[in-house]
Amino acid sequence: METVKDLYLSAGIDEAVFDYCDEVQKTLKERFEQVDQIAEYNQMKVIRAMEHQKVSAACFEATTGYGYDDLGRETLEAVYAEVFGAEAALVRPQLTCGTHALTVALSALLRPGDELLSPVGKPYDTLEGVIGIKEDNPPGSLKEFGIRYRQVDLLEDGAFDYDGIREALTEKTKLVTIQRSKGYAPRKTLSVSRIGELISFIKEIRPDVICMVDNCYGEFVETMEPTQAGADLCVGSLIKNPGGGLAPVGGYITGREKLVDLCAFRLTAPGLGKEVGATLGVNQTFFQGFFLAPAVTAGALKGAIFAANAYERLGFAVIPDGKESRHDIIQAVTLGSAEAVIAFCQGIQAAAPVDSHVAPEPYAMPGYHSDVIMAAGAFVQGSSIELSADGPVEPPYAVYFQGGLTWYHARYGITMSLQYLKNAGFVQIPEK
């Protein structure tokens, strides 16, 4: 009878690479059990919220046009609010991505003359144009509307610069944006408890300041979400963790009801807000994806832990390292050359269920300051809860791996990335 190993070998994996990865996996049993415990807790949290909000088959019906009285949309938003420990939520297919959801929130809450503060350093590349901190800002940036931006970098050891933050908080500071995940920065992802400590510090100085968390890649990695640790708003994408791999599009904004309502007015129109927005038949996939999200996130998290250990043993710098606690699904691996980054991504692509025959190459993507390579043979275009890897092709030549709808697929992807690096002469796999 054909074995799993036989199937790996038939896919072009060397026996030495398979055996090496198999040995790494065997050392991770305890870590994986911890991941499963968190997933079970979050699964129960989602189920209980769906029960409390009386999710029914009627919630799966489609609406068109204005989308008035959409029972599924309203129930889904109540489920999100309960799971996130928030007063209200906006969960819509009209939110095209995480950057769009963040832009809606920033545009809804900031006015000319206000100041925006990032106390955790530079935001993700695609937000630079939104805020207006690029050399060549696109039309419609916050800067163009008279909204100023301040930034306080993290200290060298990754700690918050509390003195710098205190100084940067002025009477004009209206909103503080906290990016949980590292983006393309070589820093650690922020845990929910650290985010809570930062928010408490800010609120002691300025209780009226709005604290918003970019929660992308972090949902269901821990047993709490930032809104349960003091965040006024939490924002994310449905083609990442909370969509469970099923949501074909969408984003969410959850938090204080007054603020969520303002975001709804910006998304649709003042006076219309949450009352409009047809769901066009996506409600069932939104509900089912959210139901699956804790288990799907757990699979991706195991893949990230596996990748960290597999590459760290071979001498590569990884963030987080193989033993650190995890607060998002992203694994950064510094490979040291453009050619190695390309080989890694081509290995991930070769392990994809969709477009495995395609070889990704770096190119100039909108919103990024350098050429970026992206591997994502996904069922949903750009879905980074599915097996994917990307990174800017610039020093220190780090690649960012994430996703995998199942742990088994994540393991296959990482194994294939090692094989491609071995084939290109960038790694030597120890023989048994």
Protein backbone atom coordinates (compact mmCIF):
# COMPACT_ATOMS: atom_id res chain seq x y z
CA MET A 1 0.00 0.00 0.00
CA GLU A 2 1.25 3.49 -0.90
CA THR A 3 2.36 5.52 2.12
CA VAL A 4 2.41 9.25 2.83
CA LYS A 5 6.17 9.16 2.33
CA ASP A 6 5.70 7.53 -1.09
CA LEU A 7 3.38 10.39 -2.10
CA TYR A 8 5.91 13.00 -0.96
CA LEU A 9 8.67 11.26 -2.91
CA SER A 10 6.46 11.09 -6.00
CA ALA A 11 6.00 14.89 -5.72
CA GLY A 12 9.76 15.39 -6.05
CA ILE A 13 10.73 15.50 -2.38
CA ASP A 14 14.09 13.85 -1.61
CA GLU A 15 14.05 11.17 1.06
CA ALA A 16 16.53 13.18 3.14
CA VAL A 17 14.25 16.24 3.07
CA PHE A 18 11.20 14.17 4.03
CA ASP A 19 13.02 12.42 6.88
CA TYR A 20 14.39 15.73 8.18
CA CYS A 21 10.92 17.31 8.26
CA ASP A 22 9.44 14.18 9.81
CA GLU A 23 11.98 14.37 12.61
CA VAL A 24 11.23 18.06 13.22
CA GLN A 25 7.51 17.32 13.43
CA LYS A 26 8.03 14.63 16.06
CA THR A 27 9.58 17.19 18.42
CA LEU A 28 6.50 19.43 18.29
CA LYS A 29 3.84 17.21 19.87
CA GLU A 30 3.55 19.28 23.06
CA ARG A 31 3.42 22.59 21.16
CA PHE A 32 0.72 21.25 18.88
CA GLU A 33 -1.35 20.10 21.86
CA GLN A 34 -1.25 23.65 23.22
CA VAL A 35 -2.45 24.99 19.87
CA ASP A 36 -5.31 22.48 19.88
CA GLN A 37 -6.39 23.56 23.37
CA ILE A 38 -6.66 27.19 22.25
CA ALA A 39 -8.54 26.12 19.12
CA GLU A 40 -11.05 24.11 21.16
CA TYR A 41 -11.70 27.07 23.45
CA ASN A 42 -12.21 29.42 20.49
CA GLN A 43 -14.39 26.87 18.71
CA MET A 44 -16.70 26.73 21.71
CA LYS A 45 -16.74 30.52 21.92
CA VAL A 46 -17.92 30.75 18.30
CA ILE A 47 -20.52 27.99 18.68
CA ARG A 48 -21.96 29.55 21.84
CA ALA A 49 -22.21 32.94 20.12
CA MET A 50 -24.04 31.37 17.18
CA GLU A 51 -26.45 29.68 19.60
CA HIS A 52 -27.03 32.88 21.58
CA GLN A 53 -27.73 34.88 18.41
CA LYS A 54 -30.09 32.21 17.05
CA VAL A 55 -28.37 31.56 13.74
CA SER A 56 -30.87 29.81 11.47
CA ALA A 57 -31.17 28.64 7.88
CA ALA A 58 -33.05 31.86 7.16
CA CYS A 59 -29.80 33.74 7.81
CA PHE A 60 -28.33 32.23 4.65
CA GLU A 61 -30.81 33.89 2.29
CA ALA A 62 -29.43 36.42 -0.20
CA THR A 63 -30.42 40.06 -0.47
CA THR A 64 -29.96 42.39 -3.45
CA GLY A 65 -30.30 46.07 -4.16
CA TYR A 66 -30.30 48.12 -0.98
CA GLY A 67 -30.15 45.03 1.21
CA TYR A 68 -32.72 46.27 3.71
CA ASP A 69 -33.73 43.90 6.54
CA ASP A 70 -30.95 41.40 5.87
CA LEU A 71 -31.41 38.97 8.77
CA GLY A 72 -28.22 37.07 8.02
CA ARG A 73 -26.07 40.20 7.86
CA GLU A 74 -27.45 41.53 11.15
CA THR A 75 -27.11 38.17 12.90
CA LEU A 76 -23.56 37.65 11.64
CA GLU A 77 -22.54 41.05 12.97
CA ALA A 78 -24.07 40.21 16.35
CA VAL A 79 -22.08 36.94 16.38
CA TYR A 80 -18.83 38.78 15.62
CA ALA A 81 -19.53 41.34 18.34
CA GLU A 82 -20.15 38.62 20.92
CA VAL A 83 -17.05 36.60 20.01
CA PHE A 84 -14.88 39.73 20.10
CA GLY A 85 -16.42 40.95 23.36
CA ALA A 86 -17.54 44.15 21.62
CA GLU A 87 -20.70 46.28 21.50
CA ALA A 88 -21.16 46.10 17.73
CA ALA A 89 -19.61 44.91 14.49
CA LEU A 90 -19.59 45.73 10.79
CA VAL A 91 -18.95 42.60 8.67
CA ARG A 92 -19.40 43.25 4.97
CA PRO A 93 -18.42 41.95 1.54
CA GLN A 94 -18.18 45.62 0.50
CA LEU A 95 -14.98 45.84 2.59
CA THR A 96 -12.60 44.63 -0.08
CA CYS A 97 -9.54 43.85 2.07
CA GLY A 98 -7.83 44.62 5.37
CA THR A 99 -6.31 47.85 4.05
CA HIS A 100 -9.75 49.00 2.92
CA ALA A 101 -11.32 48.20 6.30
CA LEU A 102 -8.57 50.17 8.07
CA THR A 103 -8.98 53.06 5.62
CA VAL A 104 -12.73 53.18 6.25
CA ALA A 105 -12.15 53.30 10.00
CA LEU A 106 -9.46 55.99 9.81
CA SER A 107 -11.49 58.12 7.39
CA ALA A 108 -14.62 57.75 9.52
CA LEU A 109 -13.02 58.81 12.79
CA LEU A 110 -10.44 61.46 11.84
CA ARG A 111 -11.16 65.05 10.84
CA PRO A 112 -8.97 67.86 9.42
CA GLY A 113 -6.59 69.06 12.12
CA ASP A 114 -6.61 65.75 14.01
CA GLU A 115 -3.46 63.74 14.61
CA LEU A 116 -2.97 60.01 14.11
CA LEU A 117 -0.32 58.26 16.21
CA SER A 118 1.35 54.90 15.66
CA PRO A 119 3.21 53.90 18.85
CA VAL A 120 4.56 50.68 17.35
CA GLY A 121 6.61 52.01 14.46
CA LYS A 122 5.95 52.16 10.75
CA PRO A 123 2.67 50.66 9.52
CA TYR A 124 2.29 48.03 6.81
CA ASP A 125 3.36 49.18 3.33
CA THR A 126 -0.14 49.54 1.88
CA LEU A 127 -1.14 51.97 4.66
CA GLU A 128 1.68 54.40 3.87
CA GLY A 129 -0.23 55.81 0.91
CA VAL A 130 -3.46 55.88 2.90
CA ILE A 131 -1.85 57.93 5.66
CA GLY A 132 0.28 60.05 3.33
CA ILE A 133 3.81 59.17 4.40
CA LYS A 134 5.11 58.00 1.02
CA GLU A 135 7.37 60.15 -1.11
CA ASP A 136 4.72 60.14 -3.82
CA ASN A 137 1.34 59.93 -2.07
CA PRO A 138 -1.72 58.88 -4.08
CA PRO A 139 -4.73 61.22 -4.19
CA GLY A 140 -7.07 61.05 -1.21
CA SER A 141 -4.55 60.35 1.54
CA LEU A 142 -5.26 61.45 5.10
CA LYS A 143 -2.47 64.01 4.74
CA GLU A 144 -4.31 65.60 1.84
CA PHE A 145 -7.29 66.14 4.16
CA GLY A 146 -5.18 67.89 6.79
CA ILE A 147 -4.72 64.93 9.14
CA ARG A 148 -1.26 64.77 10.65
CA TYR A 149 0.70 61.65 11.50
CA ARG A 150 3.15 60.89 14.29
CA GLN A 151 5.14 57.72 14.85
CA VAL A 152 7.04 56.34 17.81
CA ASP A 153 9.34 53.44 17.00
CA LEU A 154 9.78 50.46 19.28
CA LEU A 155 12.99 50.31 21.30
CA GLU A 156 15.83 48.09 20.10
CA ASP A 157 14.70 45.24 22.36
CA GLY A 158 11.13 45.47 20.99
CA ALA A 159 9.73 47.22 24.07
CA PHE A 160 7.37 50.18 23.84
CA ASP A 161 9.02 53.59 24.08
CA TYR A 162 6.71 54.84 26.82
CA ASP A 163 8.55 58.14 27.21
CA GLY A 164 8.34 58.78 23.48
CA ILE A 165 4.65 57.85 23.41
CA ARG A 166 3.87 60.19 26.31
CA GLU A 167 5.59 63.02 24.46
CA ALA A 168 3.85 62.24 21.17
CA LEU A 169 0.35 62.25 22.71
CA THR A 170 -0.82 65.84 22.21
CA GLU A 171 -4.17 67.52 22.61
CA LYS A 172 -4.69 67.02 18.87
CA THR A 173 -4.13 63.23 18.98
CA LYS A 174 -7.51 61.75 18.08
CA LEU A 175 -6.67 58.14 17.26
CA VAL A 176 -3.89 55.68 18.07
CA THR A 177 -3.42 52.83 15.61
CA ILE A 178 -1.72 49.66 16.84
CA GLN A 179 -0.60 47.08 14.29
CA ARG A 180 -0.61 43.69 15.99
CA SER A 181 1.33 41.76 13.38
CA LYS A 182 4.84 42.52 12.17
CA GLY A 183 4.02 43.20 8.51
CA TYR A 184 7.35 43.38 6.68
CA ALA A 185 9.18 44.66 9.78
CA PRO A 186 11.70 42.51 11.68
CA ARG A 187 9.87 42.78 14.99
CA LYS A 188 7.84 40.50 17.17
CA THR A 189 4.08 40.36 16.86
CA LEU A 190 2.26 41.97 19.78
CA SER A 191 0.36 39.70 22.15
CA VAL A 192 -3.12 40.70 23.30
CA SER A 193 -1.80 41.25 26.83
CA ARG A 194 0.95 43.62 25.56
CA ILE A 195 -1.62 45.49 23.48
CA GLY A 196 -3.77 45.80 26.60
CA GLU A 197 -0.84 47.21 28.59
CA LEU A 198 -0.14 49.78 25.87
CA ILE A 199 -3.79 50.83 25.68
CA SER A 200 -3.98 51.19 29.49
CA PHE A 201 -0.92 53.47 29.41
CA ILE A 202 -2.41 55.62 26.64
CA LYS A 203 -5.82 55.84 28.34
CA GLU A 204 -4.23 56.98 31.60
CA ILE A 205 -2.80 59.96 29.75
CA ARG A 206 -5.66 60.58 27.32
CA PRO A 207 -8.85 58.65 28.23
CA ASP A 208 -10.67 60.16 25.23
CA VAL A 209 -8.21 58.93 22.59
CA ILE A 210 -9.55 56.17 20.32
CA CYS A 211 -7.34 53.06 20.34
CA MET A 212 -7.71 50.97 17.16
CA VAL A 213 -5.97 47.64 16.56
CA ASP A 214 -5.10 46.24 13.15
CA ASN A 215 -5.85 42.61 14.05
CA CYS A 216 -4.91 41.03 10.72
CA TYR A 217 -3.38 37.53 11.07
CA GLY A 218 -4.04 37.46 14.83
CA GLU A 219 -7.64 36.33 15.18
CA PHE A 220 -8.12 33.08 17.16
CA VAL A 221 -4.39 32.64 17.79
CA GLU A 222 -5.05 33.43 21.46
CA THR A 223 -8.15 32.97 23.61
CA MET A 224 -8.77 36.75 23.72
CA GLU A 225 -9.08 39.45 21.09
CA PRO A 226 -7.84 43.06 21.49
CA THR A 227 -11.36 44.42 22.09
CA GLN A 228 -11.41 42.26 25.22
CA ALA A 229 -8.22 43.99 26.37
CA GLY A 230 -9.41 47.59 26.03
CA ALA A 231 -9.27 48.36 22.30
CA ASP A 232 -12.03 50.69 21.12
CA LEU A 233 -11.94 49.18 17.63
CA CYS A 234 -10.56 46.00 16.11
CA VAL A 235 -10.20 45.70 12.32
CA GLY A 236 -9.37 42.81 10.01
CA SER A 237 -9.89 40.92 6.77
CA LEU A 238 -12.14 37.95 6.05
CA ILE A 239 -9.65 36.43 3.60
CA LYS A 240 -7.35 35.95 6.56
CA ASN A 241 -8.10 34.05 9.79
CA PRO A 242 -11.79 34.83 10.50
CA GLY A 243 -12.99 33.84 7.03
CA GLY A 244 -11.83 30.28 7.63
CA GLY A 245 -10.76 29.94 3.99
CA LEU A 246 -14.37 30.08 2.79
CA ALA A 247 -15.13 33.80 2.72
CA PRO A 248 -14.57 34.94 -0.89
CA VAL A 249 -14.08 38.60 0.10
CA GLY A 250 -14.79 40.95 2.99
CA GLY A 251 -13.58 42.66 6.12
CA TYR A 252 -14.78 43.47 9.62
CA ILE A 253 -14.72 46.36 12.08
CA THR A 254 -15.82 45.63 15.63
CA GLY A 255 -15.79 47.62 18.87
CA ARG A 256 -17.70 50.45 20.50
CA GLU A 257 -21.12 50.89 18.90
CA LYS A 258 -20.81 54.63 18.33
CA LEU A 259 -17.51 54.17 16.48
CA VAL A 260 -18.76 51.21 14.43
CA ASP A 261 -21.77 53.30 13.37
CA LEU A 262 -19.45 56.08 12.18
CA CYS A 263 -17.50 53.52 10.16
CA ALA A 264 -20.76 52.28 8.62
CA PHE A 265 -21.65 55.84 7.58
CA ARG A 266 -18.26 56.13 5.86
CA LEU A 267 -18.59 52.75 4.15
CA THR A 268 -22.05 53.50 2.74
CA ALA A 269 -23.30 57.07 3.24
CA PRO A 270 -24.12 59.41 6.14
CA GLY A 271 -27.62 58.61 7.30
CA LEU A 272 -27.65 55.15 5.69
CA GLY A 273 -24.91 53.31 7.57
CA LYS A 274 -25.53 49.69 8.52
CA GLU A 275 -29.08 49.63 7.12
CA VAL A 276 -27.90 49.09 3.53
CA GLY A 277 -25.49 46.72 1.86
CA ALA A 278 -26.76 43.67 0.02
CA THR A 279 -24.99 40.41 0.87
CA LEU A 280 -25.61 38.80 -2.54
CA GLY A 281 -25.60 35.24 -1.25
CA VAL A 282 -22.31 35.23 0.73
CA ASN A 283 -23.90 34.93 4.19
CA GLN A 284 -23.63 31.16 4.39
CA THR A 285 -19.92 31.15 3.53
CA PHE A 286 -19.33 33.99 6.03
CA PHE A 287 -21.06 32.04 8.80
CA GLN A 288 -19.46 28.71 7.90
CA GLY A 289 -16.02 30.26 7.47
CA PHE A 290 -16.24 31.92 10.89
CA PHE A 291 -17.36 28.60 12.37
CA LEU A 292 -14.31 26.85 10.87
CA ALA A 293 -11.89 29.70 11.63
CA PRO A 294 -10.56 28.45 15.01
CA ALA A 295 -9.61 25.06 13.52
CA VAL A 296 -8.23 26.53 10.29
CA THR A 297 -6.18 29.08 12.25
CA ALA A 298 -4.80 26.25 14.41
CA GLY A 299 -3.62 24.41 11.30
CA ALA A 300 -1.89 27.52 10.00
CA LEU A 301 -0.33 28.11 13.41
CA LYS A 302 1.09 24.59 13.49
CA GLY A 303 2.55 25.22 10.05
CA ALA A 304 4.24 28.41 11.29
CA ILE A 305 5.70 26.64 14.33
CA PHE A 306 6.92 23.81 12.10
CA ALA A 307 8.52 26.27 9.67
CA ALA A 308 10.30 28.12 12.49
CA ASN A 309 11.81 24.92 13.85
CA ALA A 310 12.70 23.45 10.46
CA TYR A 311 14.55 26.57 9.29
CA GLU A 312 16.07 27.52 12.65
CA ARG A 313 17.78 24.11 12.87
CA LEU A 314 19.41 24.82 9.52
CA GLY A 315 20.90 28.07 10.81
CA PHE A 316 18.45 30.61 9.41
CA ALA A 317 17.25 33.57 11.50
CA VAL A 318 13.52 33.20 12.18
CA ILE A 319 10.96 35.47 13.86
CA PRO A 320 9.42 34.18 16.08
CA ASP A 321 11.97 31.52 16.97
CA GLY A 322 11.10 27.86 17.33
CA LYS A 323 10.17 28.05 21.02
CA GLU A 324 8.54 31.47 21.43
CA SER A 325 4.85 31.96 22.17
CA ARG A 326 2.78 32.79 19.07
CA HIS A 327 0.49 35.76 18.54
CA ASP A 328 -0.19 35.58 14.79
CA ILE A 329 0.14 33.04 12.00
CA ILE A 330 3.08 34.69 10.20
CA GLN A 331 6.54 33.16 10.19
CA ALA A 332 9.44 35.28 9.00
CA VAL A 333 12.58 33.55 7.71
CA THR A 334 15.64 35.58 6.72
CA LEU A 335 17.20 33.84 3.72
CA GLY A 336 19.96 36.30 2.85
CA SER A 337 19.53 36.66 -0.92
CA ALA A 338 16.93 37.52 -3.52
CA GLU A 339 17.51 34.17 -5.23
CA ALA A 340 16.77 32.25 -2.01
CA VAL A 341 13.57 34.25 -1.42
CA ILE A 342 12.42 33.43 -4.95
CA ALA A 343 13.27 29.72 -4.52
CA PHE A 344 11.33 29.55 -1.24
CA CYS A 345 8.24 31.15 -2.77
CA GLN A 346 8.41 28.95 -5.84
CA GLY A 347 8.49 25.91 -3.55
CA ILE A 348 5.37 27.11 -1.74
CA GLN A 349 3.64 27.70 -5.07
CA ALA A 350 4.59 24.23 -6.29
CA ALA A 351 2.77 22.75 -3.28
CA ALA A 352 -0.46 24.64 -4.00
CA PRO A 353 -3.75 23.01 -5.00
CA VAL A 354 -4.33 25.82 -7.54
CA ASP A 355 -1.74 27.03 -10.08
CA SER A 356 0.98 24.71 -8.81
CA HIS A 357 2.48 24.82 -12.31
CA VAL A 358 3.09 28.57 -12.08
CA ALA A 359 6.44 30.00 -10.94
CA PRO A 360 6.01 33.34 -9.12
CA GLU A 361 8.43 36.17 -9.84
CA PRO A 362 8.98 39.55 -8.12
CA TYR A 363 7.07 42.51 -9.50
CA ALA A 364 5.95 46.02 -8.58
CA MET A 365 2.67 45.62 -6.70
CA PRO A 366 0.45 48.65 -6.02
CA GLY A 367 0.99 50.08 -2.55
CA TYR A 368 4.45 48.59 -1.94
CA HIS A 369 7.76 50.48 -1.96
CA SER A 370 9.82 47.72 -3.60
CA ASP A 371 9.29 44.70 -5.82
CA VAL A 372 7.38 41.98 -3.98
CA ILE A 373 7.14 38.26 -4.67
CA MET A 374 3.96 36.46 -3.69
CA ALA A 375 3.23 32.74 -3.77
CA ALA A 376 -0.44 31.95 -3.33
CA GLY A 377 -1.99 29.09 -5.23
CA ALA A 378 -5.28 29.71 -3.46
CA PHE A 379 -8.97 29.02 -3.99
CA VAL A 380 -9.64 32.67 -3.07
CA GLN A 381 -7.35 35.15 -4.78
CA GLY A 382 -4.92 36.69 -2.29
CA SER A 383 -6.23 34.65 0.62
CA SER A 384 -3.42 34.56 3.18
CA ILE A 385 -5.14 32.08 5.48
CA GLU A 386 -4.43 29.67 2.62
CA LEU A 387 -0.88 28.42 2.07
CA SER A 388 1.09 31.46 0.95
CA ALA A 389 4.39 33.26 1.23
CA ASP A 390 5.54 36.70 0.23
CA GLY A 391 8.10 39.37 0.89
CA PRO A 392 9.83 42.46 -0.49
CA VAL A 393 12.87 41.57 -2.57
CA GLU A 394 15.31 43.76 -0.65
CA PRO A 395 17.78 43.34 2.23
CA PRO A 396 17.73 41.48 4.57
CA TYR A 397 15.84 39.24 2.11
CA ALA A 398 13.27 37.84 4.51
CA VAL A 399 10.26 35.83 3.41
CA TYR A 400 6.95 35.77 5.29
CA PHE A 401 5.13 32.45 5.34
CA GLN A 402 1.56 32.02 6.50
CA GLY A 403 -1.56 29.96 6.14
CA GLY A 404 -2.56 26.49 5.14
CA LEU A 405 -6.22 25.50 5.41
CA THR A 406 -5.00 22.30 7.05
CA TRP A 407 -1.85 21.51 8.98
CA TYR A 408 -1.06 18.76 6.49
CA HIS A 409 -0.99 21.21 3.61
CA ALA A 410 1.20 23.62 5.60
CA ARG A 411 3.66 20.82 6.28
CA TYR A 412 3.76 19.87 2.60
CA GLY A 413 4.36 23.50 1.61
CA ILE A 414 7.26 23.98 4.01
CA THR A 415 8.78 20.64 2.94
CA MET A 416 8.58 21.71 -0.71
CA SER A 417 10.15 25.10 0.09
CA LEU A 418 13.11 23.28 1.63
CA GLN A 419 13.37 21.05 -1.41
CA TYR A 420 13.51 24.05 -3.74
CA LEU A 421 16.18 25.71 -1.60
CA LYS A 422 18.17 22.45 -1.57
CA ASN A 423 17.86 22.12 -5.34
CA ALA A 424 19.16 25.68 -5.74
CA GLY A 425 22.09 25.01 -3.40
CA PHE A 426 20.98 27.29 -0.54
CA VAL A 427 20.59 24.57 2.12
CA GLN A 428 22.17 21.28 2.97
CA ILE A 429 19.81 18.79 4.60
CA PRO A 430 21.55 16.60 7.17
CA GLU A 431 21.45 12.93 6.26
CA LYS A 432 20.22 10.36 8.81
